[in-house]
Amino acid sequence: MGWDALFIGFFVATTGVGVAEAVLVMAMVRLQQLLLMGLGAVALTTLGGGEAAPLKV
């Protein structure tokens, strides 16, 4: 939440758009991040193949 507030504050200060529009932009950015994270998870599970090798200590 802190990063979102910082992003909104900088976005409003540098572009001159309203807070409501900045919140919508922030929500779109978060949605993109979640979608790309999900896409990466799908890619890892489908392309990754088998299980990871055990960690040797």
PDB file of N, CA and C in Angstrom:
ATOM      1  N   MET A   1       0.822  -1.198   0.000  1.00  0.00           N
ATOM      2  CA  MET A   1       0.000   0.000   0.000  1.00  0.00           C
ATOM      3  C   MET A   1       0.865   1.261   0.000  1.00  0.00           C
ATOM      4  N   GLY A   2       1.990   1.207   0.663  1.00  0.00           N
ATOM      5  CA  GLY A   2       2.866   2.374   0.688  1.00  0.00           C
ATOM      6  C   GLY A   2       3.405   2.715  -0.686  1.00  0.00           C
ATOM      7  N   TRP A   3       3.796   1.659  -1.440  1.00  0.00           N
ATOM      8  CA  TRP A   3       4.305   1.896  -2.792  1.00  0.00           C
ATOM      9  C   TRP A   3       3.210   2.441  -3.696  1.00  0.00           C
ATOM     10  N   ASP A   4       1.988   1.971  -3.492  1.00  0.00           N
ATOM     11  CA  ASP A   4       0.875   2.468  -4.296  1.00  0.00           C
ATOM     12  C   ASP A   4       0.625   3.947  -4.015  1.00  0.00           C
ATOM     13  N   ALA A   5       0.671   4.324  -2.752  1.00  0.00           N
ATOM     14  CA  ALA A   5       0.475   5.730  -2.398  1.00  0.00           C
ATOM     15  C   ALA A   5       1.596   6.596  -2.960  1.00  0.00           C
ATOM     16  N   LEU A   6       2.821   6.094  -2.895  1.00  0.00           N
ATOM     17  CA  LEU A   6       3.956   6.820  -3.452  1.00  0.00           C
ATOM     18  C   LEU A   6       3.810   6.975  -4.963  1.00  0.00           C
ATOM     19  N   PHE A   7       3.414   5.907  -5.636  1.00  0.00           N
ATOM     20  CA  PHE A   7       3.203   5.950  -7.082  1.00  0.00           C
ATOM     21  C   PHE A   7       2.119   6.964  -7.437  1.00  0.00           C
ATOM     22  N   ILE A   8       1.010   6.920  -6.714  1.00  0.00           N
ATOM     23  CA  ILE A   8      -0.087   7.852  -6.983  1.00  0.00           C
ATOM     24  C   ILE A   8       0.368   9.287  -6.750  1.00  0.00           C
ATOM     25  N   GLY A   9       1.077   9.524  -5.656  1.00  0.00           N
ATOM     26  CA  GLY A   9       1.552  10.873  -5.363  1.00  0.00           C
ATOM     27  C   GLY A   9       2.477  11.416  -6.435  1.00  0.00           C
ATOM     28  N   PHE A  10       3.450  10.611  -6.844  1.00  0.00           N
ATOM     29  CA  PHE A  10       4.359  11.052  -7.906  1.00  0.00           C
ATOM     30  C   PHE A  10       3.629  11.225  -9.228  1.00  0.00           C
ATOM     31  N   PHE A  11       2.698  10.328  -9.518  1.00  0.00           N
ATOM     32  CA  PHE A  11       1.958  10.398 -10.777  1.00  0.00           C
ATOM     33  C   PHE A  11       1.129  11.679 -10.844  1.00  0.00           C
ATOM     34  N   VAL A  12       0.457  12.000  -9.754  1.00  0.00           N
ATOM     35  CA  VAL A  12      -0.355  13.222  -9.713  1.00  0.00           C
ATOM     36  C   VAL A  12       0.538  14.454  -9.807  1.00  0.00           C
ATOM     37  N   ALA A  13       1.659  14.444  -9.087  1.00  0.00           N
ATOM     38  CA  ALA A  13       2.545  15.612  -9.068  1.00  0.00           C
ATOM     39  C   ALA A  13       3.215  15.859 -10.413  1.00  0.00           C
ATOM     40  N   THR A  14       3.556  14.805 -11.127  1.00  0.00           N
ATOM     41  CA  THR A  14       4.305  14.991 -12.371  1.00  0.00           C
ATOM     42  C   THR A  14       3.436  15.116 -13.608  1.00  0.00           C
ATOM     43  N   THR A  15       2.225  14.569 -13.572  1.00  0.00           N
ATOM     44  CA  THR A  15       1.379  14.619 -14.770  1.00  0.00           C
ATOM     45  C   THR A  15       0.252  15.629 -14.662  1.00  0.00           C
ATOM     46  N   GLY A  16      -0.140  15.966 -13.455  1.00  0.00           N
ATOM     47  CA  GLY A  16      -1.224  16.914 -13.281  1.00  0.00           C
ATOM     48  C   GLY A  16      -2.613  16.304 -13.400  1.00  0.00           C
ATOM     49  N   VAL A  17      -2.713  14.980 -13.467  1.00  0.00           N
ATOM     50  CA  VAL A  17      -4.030  14.345 -13.516  1.00  0.00           C
ATOM     51  C   VAL A  17      -4.618  14.314 -12.114  1.00  0.00           C
ATOM     52  N   GLY A  18      -5.896  14.023 -12.036  1.00  0.00           N
ATOM     53  CA  GLY A  18      -6.553  13.958 -10.744  1.00  0.00           C
ATOM     54  C   GLY A  18      -6.217  12.674 -10.000  1.00  0.00           C
ATOM     55  N   VAL A  19      -6.547  12.669  -8.729  1.00  0.00           N
ATOM     56  CA  VAL A  19      -6.256  11.509  -7.891  1.00  0.00           C
ATOM     57  C   VAL A  19      -7.062  10.297  -8.351  1.00  0.00           C
ATOM     58  N   ALA A  20      -8.307  10.506  -8.759  1.00  0.00           N
ATOM     59  CA  ALA A  20      -9.139   9.386  -9.207  1.00  0.00           C
ATOM     60  C   ALA A  20      -8.528   8.704 -10.428  1.00  0.00           C
ATOM     61  N   GLU A  21      -8.033   9.495 -11.364  1.00  0.00           N
ATOM     62  CA  GLU A  21      -7.402   8.916 -12.553  1.00  0.00           C
ATOM     63  C   GLU A  21      -6.113   8.194 -12.185  1.00  0.00           C
ATOM     64  N   ALA A  22      -5.361   8.757 -11.255  1.00  0.00           N
ATOM     65  CA  ALA A  22      -4.114   8.121 -10.818  1.00  0.00           C
ATOM     66  C   ALA A  22      -4.390   6.784 -10.134  1.00  0.00           C
ATOM     67  N   VAL A  23      -5.474   6.715  -9.377  1.00  0.00           N
ATOM     68  CA  VAL A  23      -5.845   5.455  -8.731  1.00  0.00           C
ATOM     69  C   VAL A  23      -6.203   4.415  -9.791  1.00  0.00           C
ATOM     70  N   LEU A  24      -6.895   4.826 -10.840  1.00  0.00           N
ATOM     71  CA  LEU A  24      -7.225   3.895 -11.921  1.00  0.00           C
ATOM     72  C   LEU A  24      -5.966   3.397 -12.631  1.00  0.00           C
ATOM     73  N   VAL A  25      -5.022   4.292 -12.868  1.00  0.00           N
ATOM     74  CA  VAL A  25      -3.760   3.888 -13.495  1.00  0.00           C
ATOM     75  C   VAL A  25      -3.017   2.913 -12.592  1.00  0.00           C
ATOM     76  N   MET A  26      -2.984   3.198 -11.298  1.00  0.00           N
ATOM     77  CA  MET A  26      -2.319   2.310 -10.349  1.00  0.00           C
ATOM     78  C   MET A  26      -2.989   0.936 -10.339  1.00  0.00           C
ATOM     79  N   ALA A  27      -4.311   0.900 -10.403  1.00  0.00           N
ATOM     80  CA  ALA A  27      -5.027  -0.376 -10.428  1.00  0.00           C
ATOM     81  C   ALA A  27      -4.701  -1.156 -11.701  1.00  0.00           C
ATOM     82  N   MET A  28      -4.580  -0.468 -12.819  1.00  0.00           N
ATOM     83  CA  MET A  28      -4.223  -1.134 -14.073  1.00  0.00           C
ATOM     84  C   MET A  28      -2.806  -1.693 -14.005  1.00  0.00           C
ATOM     85  N   VAL A  29      -1.896  -0.941 -13.413  1.00  0.00           N
ATOM     86  CA  VAL A  29      -0.517  -1.418 -13.270  1.00  0.00           C
ATOM     87  C   VAL A  29      -0.483  -2.654 -12.379  1.00  0.00           C
ATOM     88  N   ARG A  30      -1.216  -2.628 -11.270  1.00  0.00           N
ATOM     89  CA  ARG A  30      -1.267  -3.787 -10.373  1.00  0.00           C
ATOM     90  C   ARG A  30      -1.868  -4.996 -11.080  1.00  0.00           C
ATOM     91  N   LEU A  31      -2.913  -4.782 -11.872  1.00  0.00           N
ATOM     92  CA  LEU A  31      -3.537  -5.878 -12.610  1.00  0.00           C
ATOM     93  C   LEU A  31      -2.546  -6.480 -13.602  1.00  0.00           C
ATOM     94  N   GLN A  32      -1.798  -5.631 -14.289  1.00  0.00           N
ATOM     95  CA  GLN A  32      -0.769  -6.122 -15.206  1.00  0.00           C
ATOM     96  C   GLN A  32       0.271  -6.949 -14.459  1.00  0.00           C
ATOM     97  N   GLN A  33       0.689  -6.478 -13.304  1.00  0.00           N
ATOM     98  CA  GLN A  33       1.689  -7.208 -12.524  1.00  0.00           C
ATOM     99  C   GLN A  33       1.166  -8.580 -12.110  1.00  0.00           C
ATOM    100  N   LEU A  34      -0.088  -8.633 -11.675  1.00  0.00           N
ATOM    101  CA  LEU A  34      -0.667  -9.910 -11.263  1.00  0.00           C
ATOM    102  C   LEU A  34      -0.811 -10.865 -12.438  1.00  0.00           C
ATOM    103  N   LEU A  35      -1.229 -10.341 -13.594  1.00  0.00           N
ATOM    104  CA  LEU A  35      -1.373 -11.187 -14.774  1.00  0.00           C
ATOM    105  C   LEU A  35      -0.025 -11.735 -15.232  1.00  0.00           C
ATOM    106  N   LEU A  36       0.999 -10.897 -15.234  1.00  0.00           N
ATOM    107  CA  LEU A  36       2.323 -11.369 -15.628  1.00  0.00           C
ATOM    108  C   LEU A  36       2.890 -12.363 -14.616  1.00  0.00           C
ATOM    109  N   MET A  37       2.596 -12.159 -13.339  1.00  0.00           N
ATOM    110  CA  MET A  37       3.035 -13.107 -12.327  1.00  0.00           C
ATOM    111  C   MET A  37       2.349 -14.457 -12.541  1.00  0.00           C
ATOM    112  N   GLY A  38       1.058 -14.435 -12.839  1.00  0.00           N
ATOM    113  CA  GLY A  38       0.334 -15.672 -13.128  1.00  0.00           C
ATOM    114  C   GLY A  38       0.850 -16.356 -14.381  1.00  0.00           C
ATOM    115  N   LEU A  39       1.140 -15.572 -15.412  1.00  0.00           N
ATOM    116  CA  LEU A  39       1.694 -16.126 -16.645  1.00  0.00           C
ATOM    117  C   LEU A  39       3.051 -16.777 -16.380  1.00  0.00           C
ATOM    118  N   GLY A  40       3.866 -16.137 -15.569  1.00  0.00           N
ATOM    119  CA  GLY A  40       5.155 -16.715 -15.210  1.00  0.00           C
ATOM    120  C   GLY A  40       5.004 -18.004 -14.422  1.00  0.00           C
ATOM    121  N   ALA A  41       4.023 -18.058 -13.532  1.00  0.00           N
ATOM    122  CA  ALA A  41       3.789 -19.273 -12.754  1.00  0.00           C
ATOM    123  C   ALA A  41       3.339 -20.413 -13.656  1.00  0.00           C
ATOM    124  N   VAL A  42       2.474 -20.105 -14.615  1.00  0.00           N
ATOM    125  CA  VAL A  42       2.027 -21.127 -15.565  1.00  0.00           C
ATOM    126  C   VAL A  42       3.199 -21.610 -16.405  1.00  0.00           C
ATOM    127  N   ALA A  43       4.027 -20.677 -16.860  1.00  0.00           N
ATOM    128  CA  ALA A  43       5.184 -21.056 -17.672  1.00  0.00           C
ATOM    129  C   ALA A  43       6.143 -21.934 -16.877  1.00  0.00           C
ATOM    130  N   LEU A  44       6.358 -21.607 -15.615  1.00  0.00           N
ATOM    131  CA  LEU A  44       7.265 -22.416 -14.799  1.00  0.00           C
ATOM    132  C   LEU A  44       6.726 -23.823 -14.581  1.00  0.00           C
ATOM    133  N   THR A  45       5.427 -23.942 -14.378  1.00  0.00           N
ATOM    134  CA  THR A  45       4.868 -25.268 -14.118  1.00  0.00           C
ATOM    135  C   THR A  45       4.786 -26.103 -15.388  1.00  0.00           C
ATOM    136  N   THR A  46       4.513 -25.479 -16.523  1.00  0.00           N
ATOM    137  CA  THR A  46       4.388 -26.257 -17.754  1.00  0.00           C
ATOM    138  C   THR A  46       5.731 -26.496 -18.424  1.00  0.00           C
ATOM    139  N   LEU A  47       6.598 -25.518 -18.445  1.00  0.00           N
ATOM    140  CA  LEU A  47       7.883 -25.659 -19.116  1.00  0.00           C
ATOM    141  C   LEU A  47       8.972 -26.178 -18.196  1.00  0.00           C
ATOM    142  N   GLY A  48       8.746 -26.068 -16.906  1.00  0.00           N
ATOM    143  CA  GLY A  48       9.769 -26.453 -15.949  1.00  0.00           C
ATOM    144  C   GLY A  48      10.038 -27.943 -15.906  1.00  0.00           C
ATOM    145  N   GLY A  49       9.071 -28.730 -16.270  1.00  0.00           N
ATOM    146  CA  GLY A  49       9.277 -30.174 -16.271  1.00  0.00           C
ATOM    147  C   GLY A  49       9.130 -30.767 -14.892  1.00  0.00           C
ATOM    148  N   GLY A  50      10.144 -31.541 -14.502  1.00  0.00           N
ATOM    149  CA  GLY A  50      10.085 -32.283 -13.244  1.00  0.00           C
ATOM    150  C   GLY A  50      10.330 -31.426 -12.025  1.00  0.00           C
ATOM    151  N   GLU A  51      10.593 -32.123 -10.944  1.00  0.00           N
ATOM    152  CA  GLU A  51      10.827 -31.436  -9.680  1.00  0.00           C
ATOM    153  C   GLU A  51      12.243 -30.875  -9.640  1.00  0.00           C
ATOM    154  N   ALA A  52      12.440 -29.935  -8.762  1.00  0.00           N
ATOM    155  CA  ALA A  52      13.760 -29.331  -8.593  1.00  0.00           C
ATOM    156  C   ALA A  52      14.684 -30.308  -7.876  1.00  0.00           C
ATOM    157  N   ALA A  53      15.956 -30.187  -8.145  1.00  0.00           N
ATOM    158  CA  ALA A  53      16.943 -31.034  -7.477  1.00  0.00           C
ATOM    159  C   ALA A  53      17.023 -30.651  -6.004  1.00  0.00           C
ATOM    160  N   PRO A  54      17.284 -31.623  -5.139  1.00  0.00           N
ATOM    161  CA  PRO A  54      17.389 -31.295  -3.708  1.00  0.00           C
ATOM    162  C   PRO A  54      18.578 -30.378  -3.441  1.00  0.00           C
ATOM    163  N   LEU A  55      18.430 -29.549  -2.450  1.00  0.00           N
ATOM    164  CA  LEU A  55      19.471 -28.599  -2.073  1.00  0.00           C
ATOM    165  C   LEU A  55      20.562 -29.315  -1.293  1.00  0.00           C
ATOM    166  N   LYS A  56      21.798 -29.177  -1.747  1.00  0.00           N
ATOM    167  CA  LYS A  56      22.926 -29.802  -1.052  1.00  0.00           C
ATOM    168  C   LYS A  56      23.550 -28.778  -0.116  1.00  0.00           C
ATOM    169  N   VAL A  57      23.624 -29.143   1.144  1.00  0.00           N
ATOM    170  CA  VAL A  57      24.165 -28.221   2.137  1.00  0.00           C
ATOM    171  C   VAL A  57      25.564 -28.618   2.518  1.00  0.00           C
TER     172      VAL A  57
END
